[in-house]
Amino acid sequence: MHYLYLMAAVLAETIGTTALQASQQFSRLIPSLIVIVAYATSFFLMSLTLKVMPVGIVYAIWSGLGIVLIALIGFLVFGQRIDLPAIFGMGLIIAGILVIHLFSASSGH
């Protein structure tokens, strides 16, 4: 169940960061409210995960997946460019998350 909380936290954080871009430096009300609610939701769900998993592991997975998802959304929604070194780096982030999940006794599975 803790992985479901963590994945929901990543999703909420991704929504919040996407809304942050859309808020235009908090000058638009609805996206700004979405930022606040999404980040609060994300941190609450992440706190539930911390009951089972260490903070370093939780944060590595949360931030790593968030980076990759936000880069993808930036590319697809906002037309932001992603070059080959960035794609390679994000591949390394995903590889690191997989190593933690598959091989680390600290990951709580």
N, C-alpha and C. Protein backbone atom coordinates (compact mmCIF):
# COMPACT_ATOMS: atom_id res chain seq x y z
N MET A 1 0.82 -1.20 0.00
CA MET A 1 0.00 0.00 0.00
C MET A 1 0.87 1.27 0.00
N HIS A 2 2.04 1.20 0.65
CA HIS A 2 2.89 2.38 0.71
C HIS A 2 3.39 2.82 -0.66
N TYR A 3 3.57 1.87 -1.58
CA TYR A 3 3.97 2.26 -2.93
C TYR A 3 2.84 2.98 -3.66
N LEU A 4 1.59 2.61 -3.38
CA LEU A 4 0.46 3.33 -3.97
C LEU A 4 0.42 4.76 -3.46
N TYR A 5 0.65 4.94 -2.16
CA TYR A 5 0.72 6.29 -1.60
C TYR A 5 1.84 7.09 -2.26
N LEU A 6 2.98 6.45 -2.44
CA LEU A 6 4.12 7.14 -3.03
C LEU A 6 3.86 7.51 -4.48
N MET A 7 3.26 6.61 -5.24
CA MET A 7 2.95 6.92 -6.65
C MET A 7 1.90 8.03 -6.73
N ALA A 8 0.93 8.01 -5.84
CA ALA A 8 -0.07 9.09 -5.81
C ALA A 8 0.58 10.41 -5.41
N ALA A 9 1.57 10.36 -4.52
CA ALA A 9 2.30 11.57 -4.12
C ALA A 9 3.08 12.12 -5.32
N VAL A 10 3.69 11.26 -6.09
CA VAL A 10 4.43 11.68 -7.29
C VAL A 10 3.46 12.32 -8.28
N LEU A 11 2.31 11.70 -8.47
CA LEU A 11 1.31 12.23 -9.39
C LEU A 11 0.83 13.61 -8.93
N ALA A 12 0.55 13.75 -7.63
CA ALA A 12 0.10 15.04 -7.10
C ALA A 12 1.19 16.11 -7.27
N GLU A 13 2.44 15.73 -7.02
CA GLU A 13 3.55 16.67 -7.18
C GLU A 13 3.69 17.09 -8.65
N THR A 14 3.50 16.15 -9.55
CA THR A 14 3.59 16.44 -10.98
C THR A 14 2.48 17.40 -11.40
N ILE A 15 1.29 17.16 -10.90
CA ILE A 15 0.16 18.07 -11.18
C ILE A 15 0.48 19.47 -10.63
N GLY A 16 0.99 19.51 -9.41
CA GLY A 16 1.32 20.79 -8.79
C GLY A 16 2.38 21.55 -9.56
N THR A 17 3.41 20.87 -10.01
CA THR A 17 4.48 21.54 -10.74
C THR A 17 4.01 21.98 -12.12
N THR A 18 3.16 21.19 -12.75
CA THR A 18 2.58 21.59 -14.03
C THR A 18 1.72 22.84 -13.85
N ALA A 19 0.93 22.86 -12.78
CA ALA A 19 0.10 24.04 -12.49
C ALA A 19 0.97 25.24 -12.13
N LEU A 20 2.13 25.00 -11.53
CA LEU A 20 3.05 26.09 -11.21
C LEU A 20 3.49 26.81 -12.48
N GLN A 21 3.79 26.04 -13.51
CA GLN A 21 4.14 26.64 -14.81
C GLN A 21 2.95 27.42 -15.36
N ALA A 22 1.76 26.83 -15.25
CA ALA A 22 0.56 27.47 -15.78
C ALA A 22 0.11 28.68 -14.95
N SER A 23 0.55 28.76 -13.69
CA SER A 23 0.12 29.87 -12.83
C SER A 23 0.78 31.20 -13.21
N GLN A 24 1.82 31.14 -14.03
CA GLN A 24 2.56 32.33 -14.48
C GLN A 24 2.98 33.17 -13.26
N GLN A 25 3.82 32.55 -12.43
CA GLN A 25 4.36 33.17 -11.22
C GLN A 25 3.25 33.58 -10.25
N PHE A 26 2.27 32.70 -10.07
CA PHE A 26 1.14 32.89 -9.16
C PHE A 26 0.27 34.10 -9.52
N SER A 27 0.24 34.45 -10.78
CA SER A 27 -0.60 35.57 -11.21
C SER A 27 -1.97 35.11 -11.71
N ARG A 28 -2.17 33.80 -11.84
CA ARG A 28 -3.46 33.25 -12.25
C ARG A 28 -4.01 32.42 -11.10
N LEU A 29 -5.25 32.72 -10.69
CA LEU A 29 -5.82 32.17 -9.46
C LEU A 29 -6.00 30.65 -9.49
N ILE A 30 -6.68 30.12 -10.48
CA ILE A 30 -7.00 28.68 -10.49
C ILE A 30 -5.75 27.82 -10.51
N PRO A 31 -4.80 28.06 -11.43
CA PRO A 31 -3.58 27.25 -11.37
C PRO A 31 -2.82 27.42 -10.04
N SER A 32 -2.86 28.61 -9.47
CA SER A 32 -2.19 28.84 -8.19
C SER A 32 -2.83 28.01 -7.07
N LEU A 33 -4.14 27.94 -7.07
CA LEU A 33 -4.84 27.11 -6.07
C LEU A 33 -4.54 25.63 -6.28
N ILE A 34 -4.44 25.22 -7.54
CA ILE A 34 -4.09 23.82 -7.83
C ILE A 34 -2.70 23.50 -7.30
N VAL A 35 -1.76 24.43 -7.45
CA VAL A 35 -0.40 24.24 -6.92
C VAL A 35 -0.46 23.94 -5.43
N ILE A 36 -1.17 24.77 -4.69
CA ILE A 36 -1.23 24.64 -3.23
C ILE A 36 -1.87 23.31 -2.82
N VAL A 37 -3.00 22.99 -3.42
CA VAL A 37 -3.70 21.74 -3.07
C VAL A 37 -2.88 20.52 -3.48
N ALA A 38 -2.31 20.56 -4.67
CA ALA A 38 -1.54 19.40 -5.16
C ALA A 38 -0.30 19.15 -4.32
N TYR A 39 0.43 20.21 -3.96
CA TYR A 39 1.62 20.02 -3.13
C TYR A 39 1.25 19.56 -1.72
N ALA A 40 0.19 20.11 -1.15
CA ALA A 40 -0.26 19.65 0.18
C ALA A 40 -0.64 18.18 0.13
N THR A 41 -1.34 17.79 -0.92
CA THR A 41 -1.72 16.39 -1.09
C THR A 41 -0.49 15.51 -1.25
N SER A 42 0.45 15.96 -2.05
CA SER A 42 1.66 15.20 -2.29
C SER A 42 2.44 14.97 -0.99
N PHE A 43 2.62 16.02 -0.21
CA PHE A 43 3.38 15.87 1.04
C PHE A 43 2.64 15.01 2.05
N PHE A 44 1.30 15.11 2.08
CA PHE A 44 0.54 14.24 2.98
C PHE A 44 0.72 12.78 2.59
N LEU A 45 0.58 12.48 1.31
CA LEU A 45 0.74 11.09 0.85
C LEU A 45 2.17 10.60 1.05
N MET A 46 3.13 11.49 0.85
CA MET A 46 4.52 11.11 1.09
C MET A 46 4.73 10.80 2.58
N SER A 47 4.07 11.54 3.46
CA SER A 47 4.21 11.29 4.89
C SER A 47 3.67 9.92 5.27
N LEU A 48 2.64 9.46 4.58
CA LEU A 48 2.12 8.12 4.84
C LEU A 48 3.13 7.05 4.45
N THR A 49 3.84 7.31 3.37
CA THR A 49 4.87 6.39 2.91
C THR A 49 6.03 6.33 3.90
N LEU A 50 6.31 7.45 4.56
CA LEU A 50 7.43 7.52 5.50
C LEU A 50 7.22 6.66 6.75
N LYS A 51 6.00 6.17 6.95
CA LYS A 51 5.74 5.25 8.06
C LYS A 51 6.42 3.91 7.84
N VAL A 52 6.70 3.59 6.57
CA VAL A 52 7.22 2.28 6.20
C VAL A 52 8.62 2.34 5.61
N MET A 53 8.92 3.40 4.89
CA MET A 53 10.18 3.50 4.16
C MET A 53 11.02 4.65 4.70
N PRO A 54 12.36 4.56 4.59
CA PRO A 54 13.22 5.66 5.03
C PRO A 54 13.07 6.90 4.15
N VAL A 55 13.26 8.07 4.76
CA VAL A 55 13.05 9.33 4.07
C VAL A 55 13.95 9.48 2.83
N GLY A 56 15.18 9.02 2.90
CA GLY A 56 16.08 9.13 1.75
C GLY A 56 15.60 8.35 0.55
N ILE A 57 15.10 7.16 0.79
CA ILE A 57 14.58 6.32 -0.30
C ILE A 57 13.31 6.92 -0.87
N VAL A 58 12.40 7.34 0.02
CA VAL A 58 11.14 7.94 -0.42
C VAL A 58 11.42 9.18 -1.26
N TYR A 59 12.31 10.04 -0.77
CA TYR A 59 12.59 11.28 -1.48
C TYR A 59 13.29 11.02 -2.81
N ALA A 60 14.17 10.03 -2.85
CA ALA A 60 14.85 9.70 -4.11
C ALA A 60 13.84 9.26 -5.16
N ILE A 61 12.91 8.42 -4.79
CA ILE A 61 11.90 7.94 -5.74
C ILE A 61 10.95 9.08 -6.12
N TRP A 62 10.48 9.82 -5.11
CA TRP A 62 9.53 10.92 -5.34
C TRP A 62 10.11 11.98 -6.26
N SER A 63 11.32 12.42 -5.95
CA SER A 63 11.91 13.48 -6.76
C SER A 63 12.37 12.97 -8.12
N GLY A 64 12.91 11.76 -8.17
CA GLY A 64 13.38 11.21 -9.44
C GLY A 64 12.26 11.02 -10.44
N LEU A 65 11.18 10.39 -9.99
CA LEU A 65 10.04 10.20 -10.90
C LEU A 65 9.41 11.54 -11.27
N GLY A 66 9.38 12.46 -10.30
CA GLY A 66 8.84 13.79 -10.58
C GLY A 66 9.64 14.51 -11.66
N ILE A 67 10.96 14.41 -11.59
CA ILE A 67 11.82 15.05 -12.60
C ILE A 67 11.50 14.52 -13.99
N VAL A 68 11.42 13.21 -14.11
CA VAL A 68 11.17 12.60 -15.41
C VAL A 68 9.77 12.95 -15.93
N LEU A 69 8.77 12.87 -15.07
CA LEU A 69 7.41 13.19 -15.51
C LEU A 69 7.26 14.66 -15.90
N ILE A 70 7.85 15.55 -15.10
CA ILE A 70 7.77 16.98 -15.42
C ILE A 70 8.50 17.29 -16.73
N ALA A 71 9.64 16.67 -16.96
CA ALA A 71 10.34 16.88 -18.22
C ALA A 71 9.49 16.42 -19.40
N LEU A 72 8.83 15.28 -19.24
CA LEU A 72 7.95 14.77 -20.29
C LEU A 72 6.76 15.71 -20.53
N ILE A 73 6.15 16.18 -19.45
CA ILE A 73 5.04 17.12 -19.58
C ILE A 73 5.52 18.44 -20.20
N GLY A 74 6.68 18.90 -19.77
CA GLY A 74 7.24 20.12 -20.35
C GLY A 74 7.42 19.99 -21.85
N PHE A 75 7.86 18.84 -22.28
CA PHE A 75 8.05 18.57 -23.71
C PHE A 75 6.71 18.50 -24.44
N LEU A 76 5.76 17.70 -23.90
CA LEU A 76 4.49 17.45 -24.58
C LEU A 76 3.52 18.63 -24.50
N VAL A 77 3.44 19.28 -23.34
CA VAL A 77 2.43 20.31 -23.12
C VAL A 77 2.97 21.71 -23.41
N PHE A 78 4.18 21.99 -22.94
CA PHE A 78 4.71 23.35 -23.03
C PHE A 78 5.73 23.54 -24.16
N GLY A 79 5.99 22.48 -24.92
CA GLY A 79 6.89 22.59 -26.05
C GLY A 79 8.34 22.83 -25.67
N GLN A 80 8.73 22.43 -24.48
CA GLN A 80 10.11 22.61 -24.04
C GLN A 80 10.99 21.52 -24.63
N ARG A 81 12.18 21.90 -25.03
CA ARG A 81 13.11 21.00 -25.71
C ARG A 81 13.84 20.12 -24.70
N ILE A 82 14.02 18.86 -25.04
CA ILE A 82 14.83 17.93 -24.24
C ILE A 82 15.89 17.37 -25.17
N ASP A 83 17.17 17.63 -24.85
CA ASP A 83 18.24 17.13 -25.71
C ASP A 83 18.69 15.74 -25.26
N LEU A 84 19.58 15.15 -26.04
CA LEU A 84 20.04 13.79 -25.80
C LEU A 84 20.71 13.62 -24.42
N PRO A 85 21.58 14.54 -23.99
CA PRO A 85 22.16 14.38 -22.65
C PRO A 85 21.09 14.40 -21.54
N ALA A 86 20.06 15.22 -21.69
CA ALA A 86 18.98 15.25 -20.70
C ALA A 86 18.22 13.92 -20.69
N ILE A 87 17.96 13.38 -21.86
CA ILE A 87 17.28 12.08 -21.94
C ILE A 87 18.15 11.00 -21.31
N PHE A 88 19.44 11.03 -21.57
CA PHE A 88 20.37 10.07 -20.98
C PHE A 88 20.37 10.19 -19.44
N GLY A 89 20.44 11.41 -18.96
CA GLY A 89 20.42 11.65 -17.52
C GLY A 89 19.14 11.15 -16.87
N MET A 90 18.02 11.38 -17.52
CA MET A 90 16.75 10.89 -16.97
C MET A 90 16.68 9.37 -17.02
N GLY A 91 17.31 8.78 -18.02
CA GLY A 91 17.41 7.32 -18.05
C GLY A 91 18.20 6.80 -16.86
N LEU A 92 19.26 7.53 -16.49
CA LEU A 92 20.04 7.15 -15.30
C LEU A 92 19.21 7.29 -14.03
N ILE A 93 18.37 8.32 -13.96
CA ILE A 93 17.49 8.48 -12.81
C ILE A 93 16.56 7.29 -12.70
N ILE A 94 15.93 6.90 -13.80
CA ILE A 94 15.03 5.74 -13.80
C ILE A 94 15.80 4.49 -13.42
N ALA A 95 17.01 4.33 -13.93
CA ALA A 95 17.83 3.17 -13.57
C ALA A 95 18.11 3.16 -12.07
N GLY A 96 18.41 4.31 -11.50
CA GLY A 96 18.64 4.39 -10.06
C GLY A 96 17.42 4.02 -9.26
N ILE A 97 16.26 4.47 -9.69
CA ILE A 97 15.02 4.11 -8.99
C ILE A 97 14.78 2.61 -9.07
N LEU A 98 15.04 2.02 -10.23
CA LEU A 98 14.88 0.57 -10.38
C LEU A 98 15.86 -0.19 -9.48
N VAL A 99 17.09 0.28 -9.39
CA VAL A 99 18.07 -0.37 -8.51
C VAL A 99 17.58 -0.33 -7.06
N ILE A 100 17.09 0.84 -6.64
CA ILE A 100 16.57 0.96 -5.28
C ILE A 100 15.41 -0.01 -5.07
N HIS A 101 14.47 -0.01 -5.99
CA HIS A 101 13.28 -0.84 -5.84
C HIS A 101 13.61 -2.33 -5.90
N LEU A 102 14.44 -2.73 -6.82
CA LEU A 102 14.68 -4.16 -7.03
C LEU A 102 15.72 -4.77 -6.09
N PHE A 103 16.70 -3.98 -5.66
CA PHE A 103 17.83 -4.57 -4.94
C PHE A 103 18.05 -4.06 -3.52
N SER A 104 17.43 -2.94 -3.15
CA SER A 104 17.70 -2.37 -1.83
C SER A 104 16.76 -2.94 -0.78
N ALA A 105 17.32 -3.39 0.32
CA ALA A 105 16.50 -3.84 1.45
C ALA A 105 15.86 -2.65 2.15
N SER A 106 16.32 -1.45 1.87
CA SER A 106 15.79 -0.25 2.51
C SER A 106 14.47 0.21 1.89
N SER A 107 14.09 -0.33 0.75
CA SER A 107 12.93 0.18 0.04
C SER A 107 11.60 -0.27 0.62
N GLY A 108 11.61 -1.16 1.57
CA GLY A 108 10.38 -1.53 2.25
C GLY A 108 9.49 -2.50 1.51
N HIS A 109 10.01 -3.27 0.59
CA HIS A 109 9.16 -4.27 -0.09
C HIS A 109 9.44 -5.65 0.40
